[in-house]
Amino acid sequence: MGWRLRISHVTRMEYDGEAHSSYNEVRMTPAHNVLSSRVVVRPATTVQTYEDYWGTTVSAFDVTEPHRSLTIEAVSRVETSGPRRPRMAVTEPDPSMYELLRRTPMTAVNEELVELARTQASGRDPHESAEAICEVVAARVAYMPGSTGVRTSAQEAWDLGQGVCQDMAHLTAALLRAAGLPARYVSGYLHPRPDAEIGEPVEGQSHAWVEYWAGEWLPLDPTNRSPVGEAHVVVARGRDYSDVPPLKGVYQGPPESHQEITVTVTRL
């Protein structure tokens, strides 16, 4: 049984002065079962959409008039589904998945961790291997908001022993790949309160988890150690965070800026 959700993701940039121009890409549109979606920018400008290499919807826009702030509001209504049970059939990865077996700067780990991943996978089927690796990450890395940054690597999170959902997803993907399982980084939203009333707005979260290939793509949430289901909304997939940032852009103007992000999720 799935849910119907309304998601409002508002990002506001304030500049210490006047920005003369701004060029941006936004990845905030859910990937599946979208009932409606829109991206509104202030100052008003034309928003164009395209699908990137990984199949993510990208909203691109330029603001060419002087402005002291930039607001991006992405609003979507989606339907989600419950957790999926893995099938027993397992096939070899397709050659097109080679990129999802390779390490990236954010998912690179040392030989000690590569060997740990292989040990966890030894004698286990892919589903058991993935679960074992997920448990290792959850046991090692404590969830600690603010302890790391967007450029923190999987190895750094392991050495530090703490991090956020992005770090746990990077580390899990790194170990899955080391064990021979193609893995992709997933970004999206999480409704944090399953007991919320219908129509009750809840402060949601941008979230990250992983998917591994075992004849089909199957999700794992190493941060919450809970099934990926009704409360999760997929937005983007890629090799690591660098493929899926919600907002990426450049501007011409003052060197300092301040960003405020609000995510609100409502069960409908």
C-alpha atoms as a PDB file:
ATOM      1  CA  MET A   1       0.000   0.000   0.000  1.00  0.00           C
ATOM      2  CA  GLY A   2       1.498   3.325  -1.030  1.00  0.00           C
ATOM      3  CA  TRP A   3       1.098   6.934  -0.005  1.00  0.00           C
ATOM      4  CA  ARG A   4       0.244  10.099  -1.862  1.00  0.00           C
ATOM      5  CA  LEU A   5       2.556  12.961  -0.879  1.00  0.00           C
ATOM      6  CA  ARG A   6       2.897  16.667  -1.546  1.00  0.00           C
ATOM      7  CA  ILE A   7       6.483  17.893  -1.376  1.00  0.00           C
ATOM      8  CA  SER A   8       7.528  21.527  -1.194  1.00  0.00           C
ATOM      9  CA  HIS A   9      11.251  22.214  -1.477  1.00  0.00           C
ATOM     10  CA  VAL A  10      12.151  25.891  -1.142  1.00  0.00           C
ATOM     11  CA  THR A  11      15.708  27.182  -1.476  1.00  0.00           C
ATOM     12  CA  ARG A  12      16.476  30.860  -0.897  1.00  0.00           C
ATOM     13  CA  MET A  13      19.821  32.461  -1.635  1.00  0.00           C
ATOM     14  CA  GLU A  14      20.665  35.851  -0.131  1.00  0.00           C
ATOM     15  CA  TYR A  15      23.654  37.740  -1.517  1.00  0.00           C
ATOM     16  CA  ASP A  16      25.744  40.265   0.383  1.00  0.00           C
ATOM     17  CA  GLY A  17      25.141  42.791  -2.329  1.00  0.00           C
ATOM     18  CA  GLU A  18      23.797  42.633  -5.861  1.00  0.00           C
ATOM     19  CA  ALA A  19      24.322  39.601  -8.088  1.00  0.00           C
ATOM     20  CA  HIS A  20      24.494  40.587 -11.747  1.00  0.00           C
ATOM     21  CA  SER A  21      23.645  37.173 -13.194  1.00  0.00           C
ATOM     22  CA  SER A  22      23.054  33.571 -12.104  1.00  0.00           C
ATOM     23  CA  TYR A  23      23.159  30.249 -14.016  1.00  0.00           C
ATOM     24  CA  ASN A  24      21.658  27.184 -12.360  1.00  0.00           C
ATOM     25  CA  GLU A  25      20.619  23.530 -12.603  1.00  0.00           C
ATOM     26  CA  VAL A  26      18.023  22.098 -10.209  1.00  0.00           C
ATOM     27  CA  ARG A  27      17.338  18.426  -9.490  1.00  0.00           C
ATOM     28  CA  MET A  28      14.185  18.515  -7.356  1.00  0.00           C
ATOM     29  CA  THR A  29      11.574  16.737  -9.505  1.00  0.00           C
ATOM     30  CA  PRO A  30      10.674  13.208  -8.329  1.00  0.00           C
ATOM     31  CA  ALA A  31      11.555  10.365 -10.674  1.00  0.00           C
ATOM     32  CA  HIS A  32       8.471   8.128 -10.493  1.00  0.00           C
ATOM     33  CA  ASN A  33       4.688   8.273 -10.254  1.00  0.00           C
ATOM     34  CA  VAL A  34       4.588  12.056 -10.472  1.00  0.00           C
ATOM     35  CA  LEU A  35       1.042  13.415 -10.474  1.00  0.00           C
ATOM     36  CA  SER A  36       2.116  17.030 -10.867  1.00  0.00           C
ATOM     37  CA  SER A  37       5.264  19.097 -10.495  1.00  0.00           C
ATOM     38  CA  ARG A  38       6.500  22.620 -11.025  1.00  0.00           C
ATOM     39  CA  VAL A  39       9.635  24.637 -10.401  1.00  0.00           C
ATOM     40  CA  VAL A  40       9.100  28.372  -9.838  1.00  0.00           C
ATOM     41  CA  VAL A  41      11.998  30.837  -9.719  1.00  0.00           C
ATOM     42  CA  ARG A  42      12.036  34.364  -8.335  1.00  0.00           C
ATOM     43  CA  PRO A  43      13.112  36.685  -9.924  1.00  0.00           C
ATOM     44  CA  ALA A  44      10.866  35.254 -12.624  1.00  0.00           C
ATOM     45  CA  THR A  45      12.639  33.608 -15.537  1.00  0.00           C
ATOM     46  CA  THR A  46      12.150  30.827 -18.067  1.00  0.00           C
ATOM     47  CA  VAL A  47      12.783  27.316 -16.728  1.00  0.00           C
ATOM     48  CA  GLN A  48      13.741  24.611 -19.209  1.00  0.00           C
ATOM     49  CA  THR A  49      13.845  20.884 -18.418  1.00  0.00           C
ATOM     50  CA  TYR A  50      15.852  17.981 -19.776  1.00  0.00           C
ATOM     51  CA  GLU A  51      16.873  14.482 -18.711  1.00  0.00           C
ATOM     52  CA  ASP A  52      20.517  14.001 -17.759  1.00  0.00           C
ATOM     53  CA  TYR A  53      22.775  11.011 -18.444  1.00  0.00           C
ATOM     54  CA  TRP A  54      21.463   9.151 -15.391  1.00  0.00           C
ATOM     55  CA  GLY A  55      17.788   9.728 -16.207  1.00  0.00           C
ATOM     56  CA  THR A  56      17.196  12.554 -13.730  1.00  0.00           C
ATOM     57  CA  THR A  57      14.907  15.459 -14.597  1.00  0.00           C
ATOM     58  CA  VAL A  58      16.921  18.683 -14.555  1.00  0.00           C
ATOM     59  CA  SER A  59      15.384  22.175 -14.464  1.00  0.00           C
ATOM     60  CA  ALA A  60      17.791  24.737 -15.892  1.00  0.00           C
ATOM     61  CA  PHE A  61      17.454  28.516 -15.771  1.00  0.00           C
ATOM     62  CA  ASP A  62      19.414  31.755 -16.007  1.00  0.00           C
ATOM     63  CA  VAL A  63      18.734  35.017 -14.190  1.00  0.00           C
ATOM     64  CA  THR A  64      20.387  37.801 -16.164  1.00  0.00           C
ATOM     65  CA  GLU A  65      18.978  40.808 -14.349  1.00  0.00           C
ATOM     66  CA  PRO A  66      20.580  42.200 -11.174  1.00  0.00           C
ATOM     67  CA  HIS A  67      19.139  40.622  -8.005  1.00  0.00           C
ATOM     68  CA  ARG A  68      19.905  40.471  -4.283  1.00  0.00           C
ATOM     69  CA  SER A  69      18.156  37.145  -3.645  1.00  0.00           C
ATOM     70  CA  LEU A  70      17.166  34.023  -5.549  1.00  0.00           C
ATOM     71  CA  THR A  71      14.263  31.769  -4.543  1.00  0.00           C
ATOM     72  CA  ILE A  72      13.585  28.349  -6.055  1.00  0.00           C
ATOM     73  CA  GLU A  73      10.365  26.582  -5.128  1.00  0.00           C
ATOM     74  CA  ALA A  74       9.819  23.029  -6.337  1.00  0.00           C
ATOM     75  CA  VAL A  75       6.387  21.572  -5.578  1.00  0.00           C
ATOM     76  CA  SER A  76       5.362  18.037  -6.516  1.00  0.00           C
ATOM     77  CA  ARG A  77       2.607  15.527  -5.839  1.00  0.00           C
ATOM     78  CA  VAL A  78       3.634  11.893  -6.081  1.00  0.00           C
ATOM     79  CA  GLU A  79       2.450   8.400  -5.279  1.00  0.00           C
ATOM     80  CA  THR A  80       4.851   6.069  -3.497  1.00  0.00           C
ATOM     81  CA  SER A  81       4.811   2.321  -2.982  1.00  0.00           C
ATOM     82  CA  GLY A  82       5.672  -0.051  -0.166  1.00  0.00           C
ATOM     83  CA  PRO A  83       8.926  -1.978   0.263  1.00  0.00           C
ATOM     84  CA  ARG A  84       9.814  -4.438  -2.487  1.00  0.00           C
ATOM     85  CA  ARG A  85      10.746  -8.041  -1.864  1.00  0.00           C
ATOM     86  CA  PRO A  86      13.845  -9.149  -3.755  1.00  0.00           C
ATOM     87  CA  ARG A  87      13.450 -11.894  -6.309  1.00  0.00           C
ATOM     88  CA  MET A  88      15.605 -14.979  -6.055  1.00  0.00           C
ATOM     89  CA  ALA A  89      16.802 -14.767  -9.662  1.00  0.00           C
ATOM     90  CA  VAL A  90      20.191 -13.056  -9.973  1.00  0.00           C
ATOM     91  CA  THR A  91      21.854 -12.195 -13.276  1.00  0.00           C
ATOM     92  CA  GLU A  92      25.297 -10.897 -14.136  1.00  0.00           C
ATOM     93  CA  PRO A  93      25.660  -7.120 -14.427  1.00  0.00           C
ATOM     94  CA  ASP A  94      25.164  -5.639 -17.872  1.00  0.00           C
ATOM     95  CA  PRO A  95      28.321  -4.041 -19.380  1.00  0.00           C
ATOM     96  CA  SER A  96      26.517  -0.698 -19.185  1.00  0.00           C
ATOM     97  CA  MET A  97      26.791  -0.932 -15.383  1.00  0.00           C
ATOM     98  CA  TYR A  98      30.586  -0.801 -15.463  1.00  0.00           C
ATOM     99  CA  GLU A  99      30.555   2.814 -14.292  1.00  0.00           C
ATOM    100  CA  LEU A 100      28.601   1.727 -11.208  1.00  0.00           C
ATOM    101  CA  LEU A 101      31.301  -0.761 -10.241  1.00  0.00           C
ATOM    102  CA  ARG A 102      34.128   1.773 -10.396  1.00  0.00           C
ATOM    103  CA  ARG A 103      35.283   3.896  -7.495  1.00  0.00           C
ATOM    104  CA  THR A 104      34.900   7.654  -7.653  1.00  0.00           C
ATOM    105  CA  PRO A 105      36.733  10.279  -5.590  1.00  0.00           C
ATOM    106  CA  MET A 106      33.825  10.316  -3.111  1.00  0.00           C
ATOM    107  CA  THR A 107      33.509   6.508  -2.929  1.00  0.00           C
ATOM    108  CA  ALA A 108      37.190   5.594  -2.890  1.00  0.00           C
ATOM    109  CA  VAL A 109      38.279   3.403   0.036  1.00  0.00           C
ATOM    110  CA  ASN A 110      41.578   1.788   1.005  1.00  0.00           C
ATOM    111  CA  GLU A 111      42.539  -1.853   0.501  1.00  0.00           C
ATOM    112  CA  GLU A 112      41.625  -2.709   4.077  1.00  0.00           C
ATOM    113  CA  LEU A 113      38.015  -1.714   3.448  1.00  0.00           C
ATOM    114  CA  VAL A 114      38.002  -3.462   0.064  1.00  0.00           C
ATOM    115  CA  GLU A 115      39.024  -6.668   1.822  1.00  0.00           C
ATOM    116  CA  LEU A 116      36.383  -6.094   4.504  1.00  0.00           C
ATOM    117  CA  ALA A 117      33.709  -5.807   1.814  1.00  0.00           C
ATOM    118  CA  ARG A 118      34.857  -9.002   0.134  1.00  0.00           C
ATOM    119  CA  THR A 119      34.847 -10.816   3.456  1.00  0.00           C
ATOM    120  CA  GLN A 120      31.276  -9.704   4.144  1.00  0.00           C
ATOM    121  CA  ALA A 121      30.225 -11.022   0.726  1.00  0.00           C
ATOM    122  CA  SER A 122      32.060 -14.330   0.959  1.00  0.00           C
ATOM    123  CA  GLY A 123      29.671 -17.294   0.919  1.00  0.00           C
ATOM    124  CA  ARG A 124      26.583 -15.076   0.744  1.00  0.00           C
ATOM    125  CA  ASP A 125      24.157 -14.359  -2.044  1.00  0.00           C
ATOM    126  CA  PRO A 126      23.934 -10.743  -3.285  1.00  0.00           C
ATOM    127  CA  HIS A 127      21.010  -9.827  -1.023  1.00  0.00           C
ATOM    128  CA  GLU A 128      22.721 -11.232   2.075  1.00  0.00           C
ATOM    129  CA  SER A 129      25.976  -9.525   1.067  1.00  0.00           C
ATOM    130  CA  ALA A 130      24.276  -6.165   0.660  1.00  0.00           C
ATOM    131  CA  GLU A 131      22.540  -6.458   4.023  1.00  0.00           C
ATOM    132  CA  ALA A 132      25.787  -7.475   5.742  1.00  0.00           C
ATOM    133  CA  ILE A 133      27.631  -4.499   4.246  1.00  0.00           C
ATOM    134  CA  CYS A 134      24.816  -2.179   5.272  1.00  0.00           C
ATOM    135  CA  GLU A 135      25.072  -3.467   8.856  1.00  0.00           C
ATOM    136  CA  VAL A 136      28.824  -2.860   8.909  1.00  0.00           C
ATOM    137  CA  VAL A 137      28.325   0.756   7.831  1.00  0.00           C
ATOM    138  CA  ALA A 138      25.535   1.349  10.347  1.00  0.00           C
ATOM    139  CA  ALA A 139      27.646  -0.123  13.153  1.00  0.00           C
ATOM    140  CA  ARG A 140      30.723   1.933  12.288  1.00  0.00           C
ATOM    141  CA  VAL A 141      29.342   5.361  11.335  1.00  0.00           C
ATOM    142  CA  ALA A 142      27.199   7.222  13.851  1.00  0.00           C
ATOM    143  CA  TYR A 143      24.642   9.656  12.442  1.00  0.00           C
ATOM    144  CA  MET A 144      25.852  13.106  13.457  1.00  0.00           C
ATOM    145  CA  PRO A 145      24.405  16.169  11.662  1.00  0.00           C
ATOM    146  CA  GLY A 146      27.013  18.777  10.871  1.00  0.00           C
ATOM    147  CA  SER A 147      29.973  16.447  11.395  1.00  0.00           C
ATOM    148  CA  THR A 148      30.913  16.304   7.713  1.00  0.00           C
ATOM    149  CA  GLY A 149      30.515  18.333   4.525  1.00  0.00           C
ATOM    150  CA  VAL A 150      29.387  17.717   0.959  1.00  0.00           C
ATOM    151  CA  ARG A 151      32.966  16.925  -0.099  1.00  0.00           C
ATOM    152  CA  THR A 152      33.615  14.322   2.606  1.00  0.00           C
ATOM    153  CA  SER A 153      34.686  10.998   1.098  1.00  0.00           C
ATOM    154  CA  ALA A 154      33.600   7.508   2.091  1.00  0.00           C
ATOM    155  CA  GLN A 155      37.025   6.769   3.571  1.00  0.00           C
ATOM    156  CA  GLU A 156      36.987   9.964   5.623  1.00  0.00           C
ATOM    157  CA  ALA A 157      33.548   9.107   7.038  1.00  0.00           C
ATOM    158  CA  TRP A 158      34.787   5.628   7.989  1.00  0.00           C
ATOM    159  CA  ASP A 159      37.909   7.014   9.673  1.00  0.00           C
ATOM    160  CA  LEU A 160      35.880   9.670  11.488  1.00  0.00           C
ATOM    161  CA  GLY A 161      33.235   7.167  12.613  1.00  0.00           C
ATOM    162  CA  GLN A 162      30.405   9.626  12.096  1.00  0.00           C
ATOM    163  CA  GLY A 163      28.602  11.426   9.341  1.00  0.00           C
ATOM    164  CA  VAL A 164      25.246  12.093   7.690  1.00  0.00           C
ATOM    165  CA  CYS A 165      23.091  10.163   5.234  1.00  0.00           C
ATOM    166  CA  GLN A 166      25.269  11.250   2.302  1.00  0.00           C
ATOM    167  CA  ASP A 167      28.356   9.742   3.945  1.00  0.00           C
ATOM    168  CA  MET A 168      26.623   6.469   4.782  1.00  0.00           C
ATOM    169  CA  ALA A 169      25.329   6.182   1.224  1.00  0.00           C
ATOM    170  CA  HIS A 170      28.797   6.860  -0.203  1.00  0.00           C
ATOM    171  CA  LEU A 171      30.414   4.321   2.102  1.00  0.00           C
ATOM    172  CA  THR A 172      27.780   1.657   1.437  1.00  0.00           C
ATOM    173  CA  ALA A 173      28.079   2.170  -2.320  1.00  0.00           C
ATOM    174  CA  ALA A 174      31.871   1.935  -2.048  1.00  0.00           C
ATOM    175  CA  LEU A 175      31.753  -1.374  -0.186  1.00  0.00           C
ATOM    176  CA  LEU A 176      29.058  -2.845  -2.441  1.00  0.00           C
ATOM    177  CA  ARG A 177      31.193  -2.045  -5.487  1.00  0.00           C
ATOM    178  CA  ALA A 178      34.276  -3.508  -3.811  1.00  0.00           C
ATOM    179  CA  ALA A 179      32.269  -6.703  -3.276  1.00  0.00           C
ATOM    180  CA  GLY A 180      31.399  -6.839  -6.973  1.00  0.00           C
ATOM    181  CA  LEU A 181      27.852  -5.475  -6.768  1.00  0.00           C
ATOM    182  CA  PRO A 182      26.968  -2.506  -8.994  1.00  0.00           C
ATOM    183  CA  ALA A 183      25.658   0.275  -6.769  1.00  0.00           C
ATOM    184  CA  ARG A 184      24.188   3.691  -7.376  1.00  0.00           C
ATOM    185  CA  TYR A 185      23.762   6.667  -5.090  1.00  0.00           C
ATOM    186  CA  VAL A 186      20.141   7.796  -4.678  1.00  0.00           C
ATOM    187  CA  SER A 187      18.961  11.202  -3.513  1.00  0.00           C
ATOM    188  CA  GLY A 188      15.422  12.239  -2.711  1.00  0.00           C
ATOM    189  CA  TYR A 189      13.106  13.025   0.162  1.00  0.00           C
ATOM    190  CA  LEU A 190      12.057  11.239   3.332  1.00  0.00           C
ATOM    191  CA  HIS A 191       8.815  11.670   5.253  1.00  0.00           C
ATOM    192  CA  PRO A 192      10.108  11.281   8.825  1.00  0.00           C
ATOM    193  CA  ARG A 193       6.794  10.661  10.627  1.00  0.00           C
ATOM    194  CA  PRO A 194       4.713   7.652   9.574  1.00  0.00           C
ATOM    195  CA  ASP A 195       2.175   8.521  12.282  1.00  0.00           C
ATOM    196  CA  ALA A 196       1.447  11.987  10.817  1.00  0.00           C
ATOM    197  CA  GLU A 197      -2.200  12.740  10.091  1.00  0.00           C
ATOM    198  CA  ILE A 198      -3.447  13.032   6.540  1.00  0.00           C
ATOM    199  CA  GLY A 199      -3.110  16.678   5.521  1.00  0.00           C
ATOM    200  CA  GLU A 200      -0.603  17.499   8.276  1.00  0.00           C
ATOM    201  CA  PRO A 201       2.484  19.334   6.938  1.00  0.00           C
ATOM    202  CA  VAL A 202       5.671  17.846   8.343  1.00  0.00           C
ATOM    203  CA  GLU A 203       9.213  19.170   8.169  1.00  0.00           C
ATOM    204  CA  GLY A 204      10.720  16.690   5.754  1.00  0.00           C
ATOM    205  CA  GLN A 205      14.275  15.892   4.842  1.00  0.00           C
ATOM    206  CA  SER A 206      16.449  15.663   1.803  1.00  0.00           C
ATOM    207  CA  HIS A 207      17.789  12.153   2.072  1.00  0.00           C
ATOM    208  CA  ALA A 208      20.285   9.771   0.478  1.00  0.00           C
ATOM    209  CA  TRP A 209      20.389   5.987   0.203  1.00  0.00           C
ATOM    210  CA  VAL A 210      21.667   3.366  -2.268  1.00  0.00           C
ATOM    211  CA  GLU A 211      20.465   0.790  -4.758  1.00  0.00           C
ATOM    212  CA  TYR A 212      22.377  -2.378  -5.698  1.00  0.00           C
ATOM    213  CA  TRP A 213      21.967  -4.655  -8.706  1.00  0.00           C
ATOM    214  CA  ALA A 214      21.027  -8.321  -8.260  1.00  0.00           C
ATOM    215  CA  GLY A 215      18.959  -8.996 -11.349  1.00  0.00           C
ATOM    216  CA  GLU A 216      16.990  -5.852 -10.510  1.00  0.00           C
ATOM    217  CA  TRP A 217      17.737  -2.628  -8.670  1.00  0.00           C
ATOM    218  CA  LEU A 218      17.023  -2.949  -4.952  1.00  0.00           C
ATOM    219  CA  PRO A 219      17.227  -0.148  -2.364  1.00  0.00           C
ATOM    220  CA  LEU A 220      18.956   0.023   1.016  1.00  0.00           C
ATOM    221  CA  ASP A 221      18.794   2.848   3.555  1.00  0.00           C
ATOM    222  CA  PRO A 222      21.967   2.501   5.674  1.00  0.00           C
ATOM    223  CA  THR A 223      21.164   5.603   7.729  1.00  0.00           C
ATOM    224  CA  ASN A 224      17.783   4.485   9.076  1.00  0.00           C
ATOM    225  CA  ARG A 225      18.216   0.719   8.697  1.00  0.00           C
ATOM    226  CA  SER A 226      14.587   0.554   7.636  1.00  0.00           C
ATOM    227  CA  PRO A 227      12.959  -0.679   4.422  1.00  0.00           C
ATOM    228  CA  VAL A 228      12.796   1.809   1.578  1.00  0.00           C
ATOM    229  CA  GLY A 229       9.102   2.257   0.916  1.00  0.00           C
ATOM    230  CA  GLU A 230       6.199   4.653   1.276  1.00  0.00           C
ATOM    231  CA  ALA A 231       8.170   7.370   3.072  1.00  0.00           C
ATOM    232  CA  HIS A 232      10.967   7.554   0.460  1.00  0.00           C
ATOM    233  CA  VAL A 233      10.717   9.619  -2.731  1.00  0.00           C
ATOM    234  CA  VAL A 234      13.407   9.125  -5.379  1.00  0.00           C
ATOM    235  CA  VAL A 235      14.580  12.250  -7.186  1.00  0.00           C
ATOM    236  CA  ALA A 236      17.994  11.452  -8.685  1.00  0.00           C
ATOM    237  CA  ARG A 237      20.481   8.639  -9.144  1.00  0.00           C
ATOM    238  CA  GLY A 238      24.167   8.579 -10.033  1.00  0.00           C
ATOM    239  CA  ARG A 239      27.627   7.399  -9.062  1.00  0.00           C
ATOM    240  CA  ASP A 240      27.826   9.706  -6.032  1.00  0.00           C
ATOM    241  CA  TYR A 241      26.578  13.070  -4.775  1.00  0.00           C
ATOM    242  CA  SER A 242      28.404  14.965  -7.507  1.00  0.00           C
ATOM    243  CA  ASP A 243      25.939  13.519 -10.053  1.00  0.00           C
ATOM    244  CA  VAL A 244      22.797  14.499  -8.125  1.00  0.00           C
ATOM    245  CA  PRO A 245      23.103  17.861  -6.280  1.00  0.00           C
ATOM    246  CA  PRO A 246      19.667  19.486  -5.783  1.00  0.00           C
ATOM    247  CA  LEU A 247      21.117  22.863  -6.818  1.00  0.00           C
ATOM    248  CA  LYS A 248      24.230  23.544  -8.833  1.00  0.00           C
ATOM    249  CA  GLY A 249      25.099  26.902 -10.262  1.00  0.00           C
ATOM    250  CA  VAL A 250      27.355  29.915 -10.544  1.00  0.00           C
ATOM    251  CA  TYR A 251      26.717  33.620 -10.194  1.00  0.00           C
ATOM    252  CA  GLN A 252      28.500  36.883 -10.872  1.00  0.00           C
ATOM    253  CA  GLY A 253      28.429  39.163  -7.882  1.00  0.00           C
ATOM    254  CA  PRO A 254      29.526  39.509  -4.250  1.00  0.00           C
ATOM    255  CA  PRO A 255      31.742  36.728  -2.859  1.00  0.00           C
ATOM    256  CA  GLU A 256      29.470  35.924   0.101  1.00  0.00           C
ATOM    257  CA  SER A 257      26.008  34.365  -0.014  1.00  0.00           C
ATOM    258  CA  HIS A 258      23.679  32.641   2.453  1.00  0.00           C
ATOM    259  CA  GLN A 259      21.389  29.711   1.730  1.00  0.00           C
ATOM    260  CA  GLU A 260      18.194  28.670   3.502  1.00  0.00           C
ATOM    261  CA  ILE A 261      16.426  25.403   2.640  1.00  0.00           C
ATOM    262  CA  THR A 262      12.966  24.267   3.716  1.00  0.00           C
ATOM    263  CA  VAL A 263      11.420  20.889   2.837  1.00  0.00           C
ATOM    264  CA  THR A 264       7.790  20.259   3.771  1.00  0.00           C
ATOM    265  CA  VAL A 265       6.105  16.901   3.170  1.00  0.00           C
ATOM    266  CA  THR A 266       2.363  16.329   3.513  1.00  0.00           C
ATOM    267  CA  ARG A 267       0.483  13.054   3.258  1.00  0.00           C
ATOM    268  CA  LEU A 268      -2.555  13.447   1.043  1.00  0.00           C
END
